[in-house]
């Protein structure tokens, strides 16, 4: 039985040898297929299960067992950190989808964003980091920009740091 792949899946061309396979993956890495689930998890503060459930309209490539062997022998060492992953996403497509699914929360509406902070933090993570409770967090961060990213409530980690450290 044939399995249909999603349109976001970009298959690699069949190659006759490991050197050619490694070269094809190195070219893909160079072209921007270099976002990992781990990077997405770290940026958004989500679980490994969250990523494949929500990051669905982003082009990706799979690194199968044969490719891993080829990359270990012939792959460019510059991309060695990517060799351990099974799925890598296209950075440009990921950034586009991230922006498309991100809004600034206003009291009355959601406003589309044109860019996002370098580092995000959730209320729960900020409460743990600064050893405060949620009530205190919300009271002190009323003026902070609230981002809604894929339905997740996030804040600029830098802005929260400045607000909370200045309020102590």
Protein backbone atom coordinates (compact mmCIF):
# COMPACT_ATOMS: atom_id res chain seq x y z
CA UNK A 1 0.00 0.00 0.00
CA UNK A 2 1.36 3.42 -0.95
CA UNK A 3 1.51 6.07 1.70
CA UNK A 4 0.80 9.65 0.70
CA UNK A 5 3.32 12.15 1.95
CA UNK A 6 2.21 15.63 2.95
CA UNK A 7 2.96 18.38 0.40
CA UNK A 8 5.45 19.92 2.83
CA UNK A 9 7.67 16.84 2.61
CA UNK A 10 10.55 17.40 0.20
CA UNK A 11 12.05 14.01 -0.74
CA UNK A 12 15.72 13.66 -1.52
CA UNK A 13 16.67 12.31 -4.95
CA UNK A 14 17.72 8.69 -4.93
CA UNK A 15 21.49 8.54 -5.12
CA UNK A 16 23.72 5.59 -5.97
CA UNK A 17 26.30 6.08 -3.23
CA UNK A 18 26.91 7.53 0.21
CA UNK A 19 29.05 10.40 -1.04
CA UNK A 20 26.25 11.61 -3.34
CA UNK A 21 23.66 11.23 -0.56
CA UNK A 22 25.80 13.26 1.87
CA UNK A 23 26.36 15.95 -0.76
CA UNK A 24 22.58 16.23 -1.37
CA UNK A 25 21.92 16.70 2.35
CA UNK A 26 24.78 19.18 2.74
CA UNK A 27 23.23 21.22 -0.10
CA UNK A 28 19.83 21.07 1.63
CA UNK A 29 21.40 22.28 4.90
CA UNK A 30 23.11 25.10 2.99
CA UNK A 31 19.80 26.07 1.34
CA UNK A 32 18.13 26.54 4.72
CA UNK A 33 16.90 23.13 5.82
CA UNK A 34 18.48 23.59 9.23
CA UNK A 35 15.70 24.13 11.79
CA UNK A 36 15.32 21.25 14.22
CA UNK A 37 12.46 20.28 16.49
CA UNK A 38 14.77 20.99 19.42
CA UNK A 39 15.27 24.58 18.23
CA UNK A 40 11.49 25.05 17.85
CA UNK A 41 10.88 23.52 21.29
CA UNK A 42 13.43 25.86 22.87
CA UNK A 43 12.11 28.99 21.19
CA UNK A 44 8.43 28.39 21.85
CA UNK A 45 8.83 26.52 25.15
CA UNK A 46 6.84 23.51 23.97
CA UNK A 47 7.12 19.72 24.15
CA UNK A 48 8.43 17.36 21.50
CA UNK A 49 4.86 16.18 20.88
CA UNK A 50 3.65 19.73 20.27
CA UNK A 51 5.99 20.37 17.33
CA UNK A 52 4.67 17.79 14.80
CA UNK A 53 1.07 18.51 15.82
CA UNK A 54 1.29 22.26 15.15
CA UNK A 55 4.19 22.86 12.77
CA UNK A 56 2.42 21.34 9.79
CA UNK A 57 2.67 23.82 6.90
CA UNK A 58 6.45 24.01 6.85
CA UNK A 59 8.62 22.30 4.23
CA UNK A 60 10.84 19.60 5.70
CA UNK A 61 13.28 16.84 4.84
CA UNK A 62 13.76 13.52 6.57
CA UNK A 63 17.15 12.10 7.44
CA UNK A 64 16.81 8.33 7.31
CA UNK A 65 19.26 5.69 8.51
CA UNK A 66 21.08 5.43 5.16
CA UNK A 67 21.48 9.20 5.09
CA UNK A 68 22.82 9.22 8.65
CA UNK A 69 25.48 6.68 7.66
CA UNK A 70 26.34 8.69 4.55
CA UNK A 71 26.58 11.92 6.53
CA UNK A 72 28.78 10.32 9.18
CA UNK A 73 31.24 9.25 6.47
CA UNK A 74 31.05 12.07 3.93
CA UNK A 75 28.99 14.90 5.43
CA UNK A 76 30.29 18.40 5.92
CA UNK A 77 31.41 18.72 9.55
CA UNK A 78 29.93 22.21 9.61
CA UNK A 79 26.49 20.57 9.73
CA UNK A 80 27.37 17.69 12.06
CA UNK A 81 24.92 18.95 14.71
CA UNK A 82 22.04 18.40 12.25
CA UNK A 83 23.00 14.81 11.41
CA UNK A 84 21.41 13.35 14.54
CA UNK A 85 17.92 14.61 13.70
CA UNK A 86 15.30 12.72 11.74
CA UNK A 87 13.36 15.74 10.53
CA UNK A 88 14.70 19.14 9.58
CA UNK A 89 12.57 22.11 8.60
CA UNK A 90 13.19 24.89 6.10
CA UNK A 91 14.11 28.04 8.03
CA UNK A 92 12.48 30.49 5.62
CA UNK A 93 9.19 28.51 5.58
CA UNK A 94 9.26 28.09 9.37
CA UNK A 95 9.83 31.82 9.92
CA UNK A 96 6.99 32.65 7.51
CA UNK A 97 4.56 30.28 9.27
CA UNK A 98 5.65 31.48 12.70
CA UNK A 99 4.92 35.10 11.76
CA UNK A 100 1.67 34.10 10.04
CA UNK A 101 0.49 32.41 13.26
CA UNK A 102 1.66 35.16 15.63
CA UNK A 103 -0.29 38.10 16.99
CA UNK A 104 0.02 40.79 19.63
CA UNK A 105 -2.83 40.64 22.10
CA UNK A 106 -4.67 43.89 22.62
CA UNK A 107 -7.51 44.30 25.10
CA UNK A 108 -9.98 44.12 22.22
CA UNK A 109 -8.28 42.20 19.41
CA UNK A 110 -5.34 40.32 17.96
CA UNK A 111 -2.92 42.35 15.85
CA UNK A 112 -0.70 40.51 13.32
CA UNK A 113 3.04 40.83 14.00
CA UNK A 114 5.76 41.66 11.51
CA UNK A 115 8.58 40.28 13.65
CA UNK A 116 9.08 38.46 16.94
CA UNK A 117 11.51 38.86 19.84
CA UNK A 118 14.73 36.85 19.74
CA UNK A 119 13.76 35.04 22.94
CA UNK A 120 10.30 34.26 24.32
CA UNK A 121 9.11 33.29 27.79
CA UNK A 122 5.82 32.03 29.18
CA UNK A 123 4.18 33.25 32.37
CA UNK A 124 4.92 29.93 34.11
CA UNK A 125 8.60 30.00 33.13
CA UNK A 126 8.95 33.64 34.22
CA UNK A 127 7.30 32.87 37.57
CA UNK A 128 9.77 30.04 38.14
CA UNK A 129 12.78 32.06 36.95
CA UNK A 130 11.98 35.12 39.06
CA UNK A 131 10.48 33.19 41.98
CA UNK A 132 7.14 34.99 41.93
CA UNK A 133 3.52 33.84 41.72
CA UNK A 134 1.18 34.38 38.76
CA UNK A 135 -0.76 37.16 40.45
CA UNK A 136 2.44 39.12 41.02
CA UNK A 137 3.60 38.40 37.46
CA UNK A 138 0.38 39.73 35.90
CA UNK A 139 0.29 42.75 38.20
CA UNK A 140 3.86 43.76 37.32
CA UNK A 141 3.66 43.00 33.59
CA UNK A 142 0.43 44.80 32.66
CA UNK A 143 2.34 47.00 30.23
CA UNK A 144 4.28 44.12 28.63
CA UNK A 145 3.60 43.12 25.05
CA UNK A 146 1.66 39.85 25.01
CA UNK A 147 2.22 37.58 22.04
CA UNK A 148 -0.19 34.89 20.90
CA UNK A 149 1.84 32.38 18.88
CA UNK A 150 -0.04 29.33 17.62
CA UNK A 151 -2.43 30.05 20.51
CA UNK A 152 0.42 30.07 23.07
CA UNK A 153 0.70 33.11 25.33
CA UNK A 154 4.29 34.35 25.31
CA UNK A 155 6.26 37.46 26.21
CA UNK A 156 9.60 38.90 25.14
CA UNK A 157 12.07 37.39 27.62
CA UNK A 158 14.14 40.57 27.51
CA UNK A 159 11.15 42.85 28.15
CA UNK A 160 10.00 40.69 31.08
CA UNK A 161 13.50 40.68 32.52
CA UNK A 162 13.64 44.49 32.42
CA UNK A 163 10.16 44.90 33.91
CA UNK A 164 10.60 42.36 36.71
CA UNK A 165 14.13 43.30 37.68
CA UNK A 166 13.22 46.99 37.74
CA UNK A 167 10.23 46.30 39.99
CA UNK A 168 12.23 44.60 42.76
